[in-house]
Amino acid sequence: MSKALLIGMTVGPQTHSRWGLRGSEDLGGGLSAIFRLENGFELGDGKLHVQNTLFSRQAYVGLSSNRYGSLTFGNQYAPLYDTLGDIFDPMTVGDYWQDSWMYNGIGNFLTVRNSVKYTFSYNGLGIDAIYGFGNHAGAMGLDSTYGVALTYAQGPASVDAGFQQTSVSSLNGSAVNGASSKRRIGRPRRPSRIIRLPAAFPASDAGSPPRRRVPPR
């Protein structure tokens, strides 16, 4: 039986390459209009990471204020990604798929579609909150997501806590509700001397379908 050798190029194990656009327009008084559009693609052949989706990562517009924070609308990263990934993990989302505790907690819900997100920080204290609409007529809570994360940083030390819950519709009319919370404490500004005390609690429950069903289309 003859053997064949294949030499090729494939996507890395963590995340796809990405490209995007972002911009802002000064409206005066410390207020700006902002937007961000991002997508992943395969470097070898140029295919989109998610077929038939032009911006599968972040795609949002909103307002940003120097005094009151930012309010954005669209497809956006969940607060748990902003706190646990960008602050504590140099590999960001790449490490999430390797750690079972993080994957079980939020899994495919790193981004929240049809969402409203508010971000604010003052004197080391930050809050990051999001709500994603399920877009089901007659069943507003179905496929909805909400989450919040709190951050406090002074000098080299930072403490973060986050929570996220998603109501997921599934096959055969059943529903699955999942909730998770994550906490970490560390020294993110000194990567060579990081002290981490991670903890996680993922939970989900599946039962009978909700009383308010999605009407047939």
N, C-alpha and C. Protein backbone atom coordinates (compact mmCIF):
# COMPACT_ATOMS: atom_id res chain seq x y z
N MET A 1 0.85 -1.19 0.00
CA MET A 1 0.00 0.00 0.00
C MET A 1 0.89 1.24 0.00
N SER A 2 0.71 2.07 -0.98
CA SER A 2 1.54 3.26 -1.10
C SER A 2 1.15 4.31 -0.07
N LYS A 3 2.13 5.09 0.33
CA LYS A 3 1.91 6.16 1.29
C LYS A 3 2.05 7.51 0.59
N ALA A 4 1.24 8.45 1.00
CA ALA A 4 1.27 9.79 0.42
C ALA A 4 1.68 10.80 1.48
N LEU A 5 2.41 11.79 1.06
CA LEU A 5 2.89 12.84 1.95
C LEU A 5 2.20 14.15 1.58
N LEU A 6 1.63 14.78 2.56
CA LEU A 6 0.95 16.05 2.35
C LEU A 6 1.62 17.13 3.18
N ILE A 7 2.06 18.16 2.52
CA ILE A 7 2.65 19.31 3.19
C ILE A 7 1.76 20.51 2.89
N GLY A 8 1.26 21.13 3.91
CA GLY A 8 0.35 22.23 3.69
C GLY A 8 0.36 23.22 4.84
N MET A 9 -0.55 24.15 4.76
CA MET A 9 -0.68 25.21 5.76
C MET A 9 -2.09 25.17 6.32
N THR A 10 -2.20 25.21 7.63
CA THR A 10 -3.52 25.15 8.25
C THR A 10 -3.62 26.20 9.34
N VAL A 11 -4.82 26.35 9.86
CA VAL A 11 -5.07 27.34 10.90
C VAL A 11 -4.46 26.87 12.22
N GLY A 12 -3.96 27.79 13.01
CA GLY A 12 -3.37 27.46 14.30
C GLY A 12 -4.40 26.93 15.28
N PRO A 13 -3.96 26.36 16.39
CA PRO A 13 -4.88 25.72 17.34
C PRO A 13 -5.64 26.69 18.22
N GLN A 14 -5.27 27.95 18.21
CA GLN A 14 -5.89 28.87 19.16
C GLN A 14 -6.93 29.77 18.50
N THR A 15 -6.52 30.71 17.68
CA THR A 15 -7.48 31.59 17.01
C THR A 15 -7.03 31.85 15.59
N HIS A 16 -8.00 32.23 14.74
CA HIS A 16 -7.70 32.58 13.36
C HIS A 16 -7.04 33.95 13.30
N SER A 17 -6.42 34.21 12.14
CA SER A 17 -5.97 35.57 11.88
C SER A 17 -7.20 36.47 11.79
N ARG A 18 -7.00 37.73 11.97
CA ARG A 18 -8.14 38.63 11.95
C ARG A 18 -7.79 39.96 11.30
N TRP A 19 -8.81 40.65 10.84
CA TRP A 19 -8.65 41.99 10.31
C TRP A 19 -9.86 42.81 10.75
N GLY A 20 -9.71 44.12 10.71
CA GLY A 20 -10.84 44.93 11.14
C GLY A 20 -10.63 46.40 10.91
N LEU A 21 -11.67 47.15 11.18
CA LEU A 21 -11.68 48.60 11.06
C LEU A 21 -12.27 49.20 12.34
N ARG A 22 -11.75 50.32 12.75
CA ARG A 22 -12.34 51.03 13.87
C ARG A 22 -12.11 52.52 13.70
N GLY A 23 -12.98 53.31 14.27
CA GLY A 23 -12.85 54.75 14.12
C GLY A 23 -13.66 55.50 15.15
N SER A 24 -13.42 56.79 15.22
CA SER A 24 -14.14 57.65 16.16
C SER A 24 -14.28 59.04 15.56
N GLU A 25 -15.33 59.72 15.96
CA GLU A 25 -15.59 61.09 15.51
C GLU A 25 -15.88 61.94 16.74
N ASP A 26 -15.07 63.00 16.90
CA ASP A 26 -15.22 63.89 18.05
C ASP A 26 -16.49 64.72 17.89
N LEU A 27 -17.40 64.60 18.85
CA LEU A 27 -18.65 65.35 18.83
C LEU A 27 -18.61 66.58 19.73
N GLY A 28 -17.49 66.76 20.42
CA GLY A 28 -17.35 67.90 21.31
C GLY A 28 -17.78 67.58 22.73
N GLY A 29 -17.25 68.33 23.67
CA GLY A 29 -17.62 68.15 25.07
C GLY A 29 -17.18 66.82 25.65
N GLY A 30 -16.12 66.22 25.11
CA GLY A 30 -15.64 64.93 25.59
C GLY A 30 -16.43 63.74 25.09
N LEU A 31 -17.34 63.95 24.14
CA LEU A 31 -18.19 62.88 23.60
C LEU A 31 -17.75 62.54 22.19
N SER A 32 -17.69 61.23 21.89
CA SER A 32 -17.27 60.77 20.57
C SER A 32 -18.20 59.67 20.08
N ALA A 33 -18.43 59.64 18.77
CA ALA A 33 -19.12 58.52 18.14
C ALA A 33 -18.06 57.51 17.71
N ILE A 34 -18.26 56.23 18.01
CA ILE A 34 -17.25 55.21 17.75
C ILE A 34 -17.86 54.03 17.00
N PHE A 35 -17.01 53.29 16.30
CA PHE A 35 -17.44 52.05 15.66
C PHE A 35 -16.26 51.10 15.59
N ARG A 36 -16.57 49.80 15.46
CA ARG A 36 -15.53 48.77 15.33
C ARG A 36 -16.11 47.59 14.56
N LEU A 37 -15.36 47.10 13.56
CA LEU A 37 -15.77 45.97 12.73
C LEU A 37 -14.60 45.01 12.61
N GLU A 38 -14.80 43.73 12.97
CA GLU A 38 -13.72 42.75 12.96
C GLU A 38 -14.21 41.41 12.42
N ASN A 39 -13.29 40.70 11.80
CA ASN A 39 -13.60 39.34 11.36
C ASN A 39 -12.34 38.50 11.38
N GLY A 40 -12.52 37.18 11.44
CA GLY A 40 -11.41 36.25 11.35
C GLY A 40 -11.35 35.65 9.96
N PHE A 41 -10.16 35.26 9.54
CA PHE A 41 -10.01 34.65 8.22
C PHE A 41 -8.86 33.66 8.27
N GLU A 42 -8.84 32.75 7.30
CA GLU A 42 -7.78 31.76 7.17
C GLU A 42 -6.71 32.31 6.24
N LEU A 43 -5.50 32.43 6.77
CA LEU A 43 -4.43 33.08 6.02
C LEU A 43 -4.04 32.30 4.78
N GLY A 44 -4.17 30.97 4.81
CA GLY A 44 -3.73 30.16 3.69
C GLY A 44 -4.54 30.36 2.43
N ASP A 45 -5.87 30.44 2.56
CA ASP A 45 -6.72 30.55 1.37
C ASP A 45 -7.65 31.76 1.40
N GLY A 46 -7.60 32.55 2.47
CA GLY A 46 -8.40 33.76 2.52
C GLY A 46 -9.86 33.57 2.89
N LYS A 47 -10.26 32.36 3.25
CA LYS A 47 -11.65 32.11 3.60
C LYS A 47 -12.01 32.80 4.91
N LEU A 48 -13.27 33.19 5.02
CA LEU A 48 -13.75 33.77 6.26
C LEU A 48 -13.80 32.70 7.35
N HIS A 49 -13.53 33.11 8.57
CA HIS A 49 -13.60 32.18 9.70
C HIS A 49 -15.01 31.61 9.84
N VAL A 50 -16.00 32.46 9.74
CA VAL A 50 -17.41 32.04 9.76
C VAL A 50 -18.01 32.37 8.40
N GLN A 51 -18.37 31.37 7.64
CA GLN A 51 -18.89 31.58 6.30
C GLN A 51 -20.21 32.36 6.34
N ASN A 52 -20.40 33.18 5.31
CA ASN A 52 -21.61 34.00 5.15
C ASN A 52 -21.78 35.02 6.27
N THR A 53 -20.70 35.33 6.98
CA THR A 53 -20.75 36.35 8.02
C THR A 53 -19.56 37.28 7.83
N LEU A 54 -19.84 38.53 7.47
CA LEU A 54 -18.75 39.45 7.15
C LEU A 54 -17.96 39.86 8.39
N PHE A 55 -18.65 40.09 9.51
CA PHE A 55 -17.97 40.49 10.74
C PHE A 55 -18.41 39.56 11.87
N SER A 56 -17.68 38.47 12.05
CA SER A 56 -18.07 37.44 13.02
C SER A 56 -17.52 37.71 14.42
N ARG A 57 -16.59 38.62 14.56
CA ARG A 57 -16.04 38.90 15.89
C ARG A 57 -16.78 40.09 16.51
N GLN A 58 -16.22 41.27 16.43
CA GLN A 58 -16.92 42.43 16.96
C GLN A 58 -17.47 43.29 15.83
N ALA A 59 -18.66 43.80 16.01
CA ALA A 59 -19.28 44.71 15.06
C ALA A 59 -20.24 45.60 15.85
N TYR A 60 -19.80 46.81 16.16
CA TYR A 60 -20.65 47.66 16.99
C TYR A 60 -20.46 49.13 16.67
N VAL A 61 -21.45 49.93 17.07
CA VAL A 61 -21.39 51.39 17.02
C VAL A 61 -21.84 51.89 18.38
N GLY A 62 -21.48 53.13 18.70
CA GLY A 62 -21.91 53.65 19.98
C GLY A 62 -21.34 55.02 20.27
N LEU A 63 -21.44 55.40 21.52
CA LEU A 63 -20.96 56.68 22.01
C LEU A 63 -19.98 56.46 23.15
N SER A 64 -18.94 57.29 23.19
CA SER A 64 -17.93 57.21 24.24
C SER A 64 -17.75 58.59 24.87
N SER A 65 -17.79 58.63 26.20
CA SER A 65 -17.64 59.88 26.92
C SER A 65 -16.47 59.79 27.88
N ASN A 66 -15.68 60.85 27.95
CA ASN A 66 -14.56 60.87 28.89
C ASN A 66 -15.05 60.82 30.34
N ARG A 67 -16.27 61.26 30.57
CA ARG A 67 -16.79 61.36 31.93
C ARG A 67 -17.73 60.22 32.30
N TYR A 68 -18.55 59.77 31.34
CA TYR A 68 -19.60 58.81 31.67
C TYR A 68 -19.37 57.41 31.11
N GLY A 69 -18.26 57.16 30.46
CA GLY A 69 -17.99 55.84 29.92
C GLY A 69 -18.51 55.69 28.50
N SER A 70 -18.72 54.45 28.08
CA SER A 70 -19.15 54.19 26.70
C SER A 70 -20.40 53.31 26.68
N LEU A 71 -21.24 53.54 25.68
CA LEU A 71 -22.45 52.75 25.46
C LEU A 71 -22.43 52.32 24.00
N THR A 72 -22.40 51.01 23.76
CA THR A 72 -22.26 50.49 22.40
C THR A 72 -23.34 49.46 22.10
N PHE A 73 -23.59 49.25 20.79
CA PHE A 73 -24.65 48.37 20.33
C PHE A 73 -24.13 47.50 19.19
N GLY A 74 -24.38 46.18 19.28
CA GLY A 74 -23.98 45.29 18.19
C GLY A 74 -23.56 43.92 18.68
N ASN A 75 -22.57 43.34 17.98
CA ASN A 75 -21.99 42.04 18.35
C ASN A 75 -20.69 42.33 19.10
N GLN A 76 -20.64 42.01 20.41
CA GLN A 76 -19.54 42.48 21.24
C GLN A 76 -19.04 41.39 22.18
N TYR A 77 -17.79 41.55 22.64
CA TYR A 77 -17.22 40.61 23.60
C TYR A 77 -17.94 40.72 24.94
N ALA A 78 -18.11 39.57 25.58
CA ALA A 78 -18.74 39.53 26.89
C ALA A 78 -17.80 40.11 27.95
N PRO A 79 -18.33 40.62 29.06
CA PRO A 79 -17.49 41.16 30.12
C PRO A 79 -16.45 40.18 30.64
N LEU A 80 -16.76 38.88 30.69
CA LEU A 80 -15.78 37.90 31.16
C LEU A 80 -14.55 37.86 30.26
N TYR A 81 -14.75 38.06 28.97
CA TYR A 81 -13.60 38.12 28.07
C TYR A 81 -12.76 39.36 28.37
N ASP A 82 -13.42 40.50 28.54
CA ASP A 82 -12.69 41.75 28.78
C ASP A 82 -11.85 41.68 30.05
N THR A 83 -12.39 41.08 31.11
CA THR A 83 -11.67 41.07 32.39
C THR A 83 -10.65 39.94 32.47
N LEU A 84 -11.09 38.70 32.25
CA LEU A 84 -10.19 37.56 32.42
C LEU A 84 -9.18 37.45 31.29
N GLY A 85 -9.59 37.77 30.07
CA GLY A 85 -8.69 37.59 28.94
C GLY A 85 -7.71 38.73 28.76
N ASP A 86 -8.23 39.93 28.55
CA ASP A 86 -7.37 41.06 28.22
C ASP A 86 -6.45 41.45 29.37
N ILE A 87 -6.86 41.23 30.61
CA ILE A 87 -6.07 41.69 31.75
C ILE A 87 -5.09 40.64 32.24
N PHE A 88 -5.57 39.39 32.40
CA PHE A 88 -4.75 38.39 33.07
C PHE A 88 -4.07 37.39 32.15
N ASP A 89 -4.61 37.15 30.98
CA ASP A 89 -4.10 36.07 30.14
C ASP A 89 -3.42 36.63 28.90
N PRO A 90 -2.10 36.50 28.76
CA PRO A 90 -1.41 37.03 27.58
C PRO A 90 -1.83 36.35 26.29
N MET A 91 -2.37 35.13 26.37
CA MET A 91 -2.85 34.43 25.18
C MET A 91 -4.32 34.75 24.90
N THR A 92 -4.94 35.58 25.72
CA THR A 92 -6.35 35.97 25.64
C THR A 92 -7.23 34.78 25.34
N VAL A 93 -8.03 34.85 24.28
CA VAL A 93 -9.03 33.82 24.04
C VAL A 93 -8.41 32.48 23.69
N GLY A 94 -7.17 32.45 23.22
CA GLY A 94 -6.54 31.19 22.86
C GLY A 94 -6.46 30.24 24.04
N ASP A 95 -6.22 30.76 25.22
CA ASP A 95 -6.09 29.91 26.40
C ASP A 95 -7.44 29.39 26.89
N TYR A 96 -8.52 30.06 26.53
CA TYR A 96 -9.83 29.66 27.02
C TYR A 96 -10.22 28.28 26.51
N TRP A 97 -9.88 27.99 25.26
CA TRP A 97 -10.28 26.71 24.69
C TRP A 97 -9.42 25.57 25.24
N GLN A 98 -8.30 25.88 25.88
CA GLN A 98 -7.45 24.85 26.45
C GLN A 98 -7.83 24.53 27.89
N ASP A 99 -8.37 25.51 28.61
CA ASP A 99 -8.74 25.31 30.02
C ASP A 99 -10.20 24.90 30.10
N SER A 100 -10.45 23.68 30.54
CA SER A 100 -11.82 23.18 30.54
C SER A 100 -12.74 24.00 31.43
N TRP A 101 -12.22 24.53 32.53
CA TRP A 101 -13.08 25.29 33.42
C TRP A 101 -13.62 26.55 32.75
N MET A 102 -12.80 27.20 31.93
CA MET A 102 -13.27 28.41 31.26
C MET A 102 -14.20 28.07 30.12
N TYR A 103 -13.88 27.02 29.39
CA TYR A 103 -14.72 26.61 28.27
C TYR A 103 -16.11 26.21 28.74
N ASN A 104 -16.18 25.46 29.82
CA ASN A 104 -17.48 25.05 30.35
C ASN A 104 -18.28 26.23 30.87
N GLY A 105 -17.57 27.26 31.28
CA GLY A 105 -18.27 28.41 31.84
C GLY A 105 -19.00 29.24 30.80
N ILE A 106 -18.30 29.63 29.71
CA ILE A 106 -18.95 30.50 28.73
C ILE A 106 -18.88 29.94 27.33
N GLY A 107 -18.00 28.97 27.07
CA GLY A 107 -18.00 28.26 25.80
C GLY A 107 -18.05 29.16 24.59
N ASN A 108 -19.11 29.03 23.79
CA ASN A 108 -19.25 29.79 22.56
C ASN A 108 -19.85 31.17 22.77
N PHE A 109 -19.94 31.63 24.00
CA PHE A 109 -20.58 32.90 24.27
C PHE A 109 -19.57 33.99 24.64
N LEU A 110 -18.41 33.94 24.03
CA LEU A 110 -17.43 35.01 24.22
C LEU A 110 -17.93 36.31 23.61
N THR A 111 -18.67 36.21 22.51
CA THR A 111 -19.30 37.38 21.92
C THR A 111 -20.81 37.28 22.11
N VAL A 112 -21.45 38.42 22.25
CA VAL A 112 -22.90 38.48 22.48
C VAL A 112 -23.53 39.28 21.36
N ARG A 113 -24.40 38.65 20.60
CA ARG A 113 -25.06 39.32 19.48
C ARG A 113 -26.23 40.17 19.96
N ASN A 114 -26.59 41.13 19.12
CA ASN A 114 -27.74 42.00 19.39
C ASN A 114 -27.67 42.55 20.81
N SER A 115 -26.50 43.03 21.19
CA SER A 115 -26.27 43.40 22.59
C SER A 115 -26.10 44.90 22.79
N VAL A 116 -26.40 45.31 24.01
CA VAL A 116 -26.13 46.66 24.50
C VAL A 116 -25.08 46.53 25.60
N LYS A 117 -24.02 47.29 25.51
CA LYS A 117 -22.90 47.15 26.45
C LYS A 117 -22.51 48.51 27.02
N TYR A 118 -22.31 48.53 28.32
CA TYR A 118 -21.88 49.75 29.01
C TYR A 118 -20.56 49.50 29.72
N THR A 119 -19.61 50.40 29.53
CA THR A 119 -18.29 50.29 30.14
C THR A 119 -17.93 51.61 30.80
N PHE A 120 -17.46 51.53 32.04
CA PHE A 120 -17.12 52.74 32.78
C PHE A 120 -15.96 52.45 33.72
N SER A 121 -15.07 53.41 33.89
CA SER A 121 -13.96 53.27 34.84
C SER A 121 -13.67 54.62 35.48
N TYR A 122 -13.32 54.56 36.76
CA TYR A 122 -12.99 55.78 37.49
C TYR A 122 -12.06 55.45 38.64
N ASN A 123 -10.89 56.06 38.64
CA ASN A 123 -9.94 55.96 39.76
C ASN A 123 -9.65 54.51 40.15
N GLY A 124 -9.45 53.66 39.15
CA GLY A 124 -9.10 52.28 39.40
C GLY A 124 -10.27 51.32 39.47
N LEU A 125 -11.49 51.84 39.58
CA LEU A 125 -12.68 51.00 39.65
C LEU A 125 -13.37 50.98 38.29
N GLY A 126 -13.66 49.78 37.80
CA GLY A 126 -14.29 49.66 36.49
C GLY A 126 -15.48 48.73 36.52
N ILE A 127 -16.46 49.00 35.66
CA ILE A 127 -17.63 48.14 35.52
C ILE A 127 -17.87 47.90 34.04
N ASP A 128 -18.25 46.68 33.73
CA ASP A 128 -18.48 46.26 32.35
C ASP A 128 -19.76 45.43 32.36
N ALA A 129 -20.83 45.92 31.73
CA ALA A 129 -22.11 45.23 31.76
C ALA A 129 -22.67 45.08 30.35
N ILE A 130 -23.38 43.96 30.11
CA ILE A 130 -23.91 43.70 28.78
C ILE A 130 -25.26 43.00 28.88
N TYR A 131 -26.11 43.27 27.88
CA TYR A 131 -27.36 42.51 27.73
C TYR A 131 -27.56 42.24 26.25
N GLY A 132 -27.76 40.96 25.92
CA GLY A 132 -27.99 40.56 24.54
C GLY A 132 -29.42 40.10 24.36
N PHE A 133 -30.12 40.67 23.40
CA PHE A 133 -31.52 40.34 23.15
C PHE A 133 -31.62 39.05 22.33
N GLY A 134 -32.59 38.22 22.67
CA GLY A 134 -32.78 36.97 21.96
C GLY A 134 -33.48 37.12 20.63
N ASN A 135 -34.21 38.24 20.45
CA ASN A 135 -34.91 38.52 19.19
C ASN A 135 -35.94 37.45 18.84
N HIS A 136 -36.70 36.98 19.84
CA HIS A 136 -37.80 36.06 19.59
C HIS A 136 -39.10 36.75 19.98
N ALA A 137 -39.99 36.91 19.02
CA ALA A 137 -41.28 37.52 19.30
C ALA A 137 -42.08 36.66 20.27
N GLY A 138 -42.61 37.28 21.31
CA GLY A 138 -43.41 36.56 22.28
C GLY A 138 -42.62 35.82 23.33
N ALA A 139 -41.30 35.80 23.22
CA ALA A 139 -40.45 35.12 24.21
C ALA A 139 -39.16 35.92 24.33
N MET A 140 -39.25 37.05 24.97
CA MET A 140 -38.14 38.01 25.01
C MET A 140 -36.89 37.43 25.65
N GLY A 141 -37.06 36.59 26.68
CA GLY A 141 -35.90 36.07 27.39
C GLY A 141 -35.19 34.92 26.71
N LEU A 142 -35.81 34.32 25.70
CA LEU A 142 -35.21 33.16 25.05
C LEU A 142 -33.99 33.56 24.24
N ASP A 143 -32.89 32.85 24.40
CA ASP A 143 -31.62 33.13 23.73
C ASP A 143 -31.02 34.47 24.15
N SER A 144 -31.45 35.01 25.28
CA SER A 144 -30.88 36.27 25.77
C SER A 144 -29.67 35.99 26.65
N THR A 145 -28.82 36.99 26.79
CA THR A 145 -27.60 36.89 27.60
C THR A 145 -27.43 38.16 28.41
N TYR A 146 -27.03 38.01 29.66
CA TYR A 146 -26.63 39.18 30.42
C TYR A 146 -25.41 38.84 31.26
N GLY A 147 -24.58 39.84 31.48
CA GLY A 147 -23.36 39.62 32.24
C GLY A 147 -22.81 40.92 32.77
N VAL A 148 -21.98 40.81 33.80
CA VAL A 148 -21.37 41.98 34.40
C VAL A 148 -20.00 41.59 34.96
N ALA A 149 -19.09 42.52 34.94
CA ALA A 149 -17.76 42.30 35.51
C ALA A 149 -17.31 43.56 36.23
N LEU A 150 -16.67 43.38 37.37
CA LEU A 150 -16.14 44.48 38.16
C LEU A 150 -14.63 44.35 38.25
N THR A 151 -13.95 45.47 38.16
CA THR A 151 -12.49 45.49 38.21
C THR A 151 -12.03 46.58 39.17
N TYR A 152 -11.03 46.25 39.97
CA TYR A 152 -10.40 47.26 40.81
C TYR A 152 -8.90 47.10 40.70
N ALA A 153 -8.22 48.17 40.29
CA ALA A 153 -6.77 48.11 40.09
C ALA A 153 -6.12 49.32 40.75
N GLN A 154 -5.07 49.04 41.52
CA GLN A 154 -4.25 50.08 42.12
C GLN A 154 -2.80 49.64 42.03
N GLY A 155 -1.97 50.43 41.37
CA GLY A 155 -0.58 50.05 41.18
C GLY A 155 -0.48 48.76 40.39
N PRO A 156 0.34 47.81 40.86
CA PRO A 156 0.51 46.56 40.12
C PRO A 156 -0.55 45.50 40.41
N ALA A 157 -1.46 45.77 41.35
CA ALA A 157 -2.43 44.76 41.76
C ALA A 157 -3.79 45.02 41.12
N SER A 158 -4.50 43.95 40.83
CA SER A 158 -5.82 44.06 40.23
C SER A 158 -6.70 42.91 40.71
N VAL A 159 -7.94 43.22 41.01
CA VAL A 159 -8.92 42.22 41.43
C VAL A 159 -10.12 42.32 40.49
N ASP A 160 -10.56 41.18 39.95
CA ASP A 160 -11.65 41.16 38.99
C ASP A 160 -12.65 40.07 39.34
N ALA A 161 -13.92 40.35 39.15
CA ALA A 161 -14.97 39.36 39.34
C ALA A 161 -16.00 39.52 38.23
N GLY A 162 -16.51 38.40 37.73
CA GLY A 162 -17.46 38.48 36.63
C GLY A 162 -18.53 37.42 36.72
N PHE A 163 -19.66 37.70 36.08
CA PHE A 163 -20.80 36.78 36.04
C PHE A 163 -21.46 36.87 34.68
N GLN A 164 -21.92 35.73 34.18
CA GLN A 164 -22.61 35.73 32.90
C GLN A 164 -23.66 34.62 32.87
N GLN A 165 -24.82 34.91 32.32
CA GLN A 165 -25.88 33.91 32.18
C GLN A 165 -26.50 34.02 30.80
N THR A 166 -26.72 32.86 30.17
CA THR A 166 -27.30 32.80 28.84
C THR A 166 -28.45 31.80 28.83
N SER A 167 -29.58 32.20 28.30
CA SER A 167 -30.72 31.30 28.12
C SER A 167 -30.69 30.79 26.69
N VAL A 168 -30.48 29.49 26.53
CA VAL A 168 -30.25 28.92 25.20
C VAL A 168 -31.40 28.01 24.80
N SER A 169 -31.97 28.26 23.64
CA SER A 169 -32.99 27.36 23.10
C SER A 169 -32.28 26.22 22.40
N SER A 170 -32.88 25.03 22.44
CA SER A 170 -32.27 23.86 21.83
C SER A 170 -33.31 23.09 21.03
N LEU A 171 -32.92 21.94 20.51
CA LEU A 171 -33.80 21.14 19.68
C LEU A 171 -34.96 20.57 20.49
N ASN A 172 -36.02 20.21 19.79
CA ASN A 172 -37.21 19.57 20.37
C ASN A 172 -37.92 20.44 21.40
N GLY A 173 -37.74 21.74 21.27
CA GLY A 173 -38.47 22.66 22.13
C GLY A 173 -37.95 22.76 23.54
N SER A 174 -36.86 22.09 23.87
CA SER A 174 -36.33 22.17 25.23
C SER A 174 -35.47 23.41 25.38
N ALA A 175 -35.17 23.74 26.59
CA ALA A 175 -34.36 24.93 26.86
C ALA A 175 -33.28 24.59 27.86
N VAL A 176 -32.14 25.24 27.72
CA VAL A 176 -31.03 25.05 28.64
C VAL A 176 -30.61 26.41 29.16
N ASN A 177 -30.53 26.55 30.45
CA ASN A 177 -30.09 27.80 31.06
C ASN A 177 -28.73 27.58 31.70
N GLY A 178 -27.78 28.46 31.43
CA GLY A 178 -26.45 28.29 31.99
C GLY A 178 -26.01 29.53 32.73
N ALA A 179 -25.29 29.35 33.81
CA ALA A 179 -24.76 30.47 34.56
C ALA A 179 -23.34 30.16 34.97
N SER A 180 -22.51 31.17 35.01
CA SER A 180 -21.13 30.94 35.42
C SER A 180 -20.58 32.19 36.07
N SER A 181 -19.63 32.02 36.96
CA SER A 181 -18.95 33.16 37.56
C SER A 181 -17.47 32.82 37.67
N LYS A 182 -16.62 33.82 37.46
CA LYS A 182 -15.18 33.62 37.48
C LYS A 182 -14.55 34.72 38.33
N ARG A 183 -13.47 34.40 39.04
CA ARG A 183 -12.76 35.40 39.83
C ARG A 183 -11.27 35.14 39.72
N ARG A 184 -10.51 36.23 39.62
CA ARG A 184 -9.06 36.10 39.62
C ARG A 184 -8.43 37.29 40.32
N ILE A 185 -7.31 37.04 40.93
CA ILE A 185 -6.55 38.10 41.56
C ILE A 185 -5.11 37.96 41.10
N GLY A 186 -4.46 39.07 40.76
CA GLY A 186 -3.11 38.92 40.24
C GLY A 186 -2.38 40.24 40.14
N ARG A 187 -1.23 40.19 39.45
CA ARG A 187 -0.41 41.36 39.22
C ARG A 187 -0.18 41.47 37.72
N PRO A 188 -1.15 41.97 36.97
CA PRO A 188 -1.08 41.90 35.52
C PRO A 188 -0.01 42.78 34.90
N ARG A 189 0.47 43.79 35.60
CA ARG A 189 1.43 44.70 34.99
C ARG A 189 2.87 44.20 35.10
N ARG A 190 3.08 43.08 35.77
CA ARG A 190 4.41 42.49 35.89
C ARG A 190 4.31 41.02 35.50
N PRO A 191 4.33 40.73 34.18
CA PRO A 191 4.10 39.35 33.72
C PRO A 191 5.07 38.34 34.31
N SER A 192 6.30 38.75 34.65
CA SER A 192 7.28 37.80 35.15
C SER A 192 7.07 37.46 36.62
N ARG A 193 6.19 38.20 37.31
CA ARG A 193 5.96 37.95 38.74
C ARG A 193 4.47 37.90 39.04
N ILE A 194 3.73 37.23 38.18
CA ILE A 194 2.28 37.16 38.34
C ILE A 194 1.91 36.22 39.49
N ILE A 195 0.99 36.65 40.31
CA ILE A 195 0.41 35.83 41.37
C ILE A 195 -1.06 35.64 41.04
N ARG A 196 -1.50 34.40 40.87
CA ARG A 196 -2.88 34.15 40.47
C ARG A 196 -3.57 33.22 41.46
N LEU A 197 -4.78 33.56 41.81
CA LEU A 197 -5.63 32.69 42.62
C LEU A 197 -6.94 32.52 41.87
N PRO A 198 -6.98 31.62 40.88
CA PRO A 198 -8.19 31.50 40.07
C PRO A 198 -9.24 30.62 40.73
N ALA A 199 -10.50 30.92 40.44
CA ALA A 199 -11.61 30.09 40.89
C ALA A 199 -12.74 30.23 39.89
N ALA A 200 -13.50 29.15 39.70
CA ALA A 200 -14.59 29.18 38.73
C ALA A 200 -15.72 28.28 39.19
N PHE A 201 -16.92 28.66 38.79
CA PHE A 201 -18.09 27.83 39.09
C PHE A 201 -19.04 27.87 37.90
N PRO A 202 -18.96 26.88 36.99
CA PRO A 202 -19.92 26.81 35.90
C PRO A 202 -21.12 25.97 36.30
N ALA A 203 -22.31 26.35 35.86
CA ALA A 203 -23.51 25.58 36.18
C ALA A 203 -24.52 25.72 35.06
N SER A 204 -25.26 24.66 34.80
CA SER A 204 -26.33 24.70 33.81
C SER A 204 -27.41 23.72 34.22
N ASP A 205 -28.63 24.02 33.80
CA ASP A 205 -29.73 23.11 34.08
C ASP A 205 -30.63 23.02 32.86
N ALA A 206 -31.11 21.83 32.57
CA ALA A 206 -31.99 21.60 31.44
C ALA A 206 -33.26 20.93 31.94
N GLY A 207 -34.39 21.45 31.52
CA GLY A 207 -35.65 20.88 31.97
C GLY A 207 -36.70 20.97 30.89
N SER A 208 -37.94 21.09 31.31
CA SER A 208 -39.02 21.17 30.34
C SER A 208 -38.99 22.51 29.64
N PRO A 209 -39.56 22.61 28.45
CA PRO A 209 -39.54 23.87 27.71
C PRO A 209 -40.31 24.96 28.43
N PRO A 210 -39.94 26.22 28.24
CA PRO A 210 -40.66 27.30 28.90
C PRO A 210 -42.09 27.40 28.40
N ARG A 211 -42.93 28.03 29.20
CA ARG A 211 -44.34 28.12 28.83
C ARG A 211 -44.53 28.98 27.59
N ARG A 212 -43.70 30.00 27.45
CA ARG A 212 -43.83 30.88 26.30
C ARG A 212 -42.91 30.38 25.21
N ARG A 213 -43.47 29.78 24.21
CA ARG A 213 -42.68 29.21 23.14
C ARG A 213 -42.54 30.21 22.00
N VAL A 214 -41.54 29.95 21.18
CA VAL A 214 -41.34 30.78 20.00
C VAL A 214 -42.41 30.42 18.98
N PRO A 215 -43.18 31.39 18.47
CA PRO A 215 -44.22 31.07 17.50
C PRO A 215 -43.62 30.54 16.21
N PRO A 216 -44.30 29.61 15.53
CA PRO A 216 -43.76 29.05 14.29
C PRO A 216 -43.66 30.11 13.21
N ARG A 217 -42.65 29.95 12.36
CA ARG A 217 -42.45 30.90 11.27
C ARG A 217 -42.93 30.29 9.95
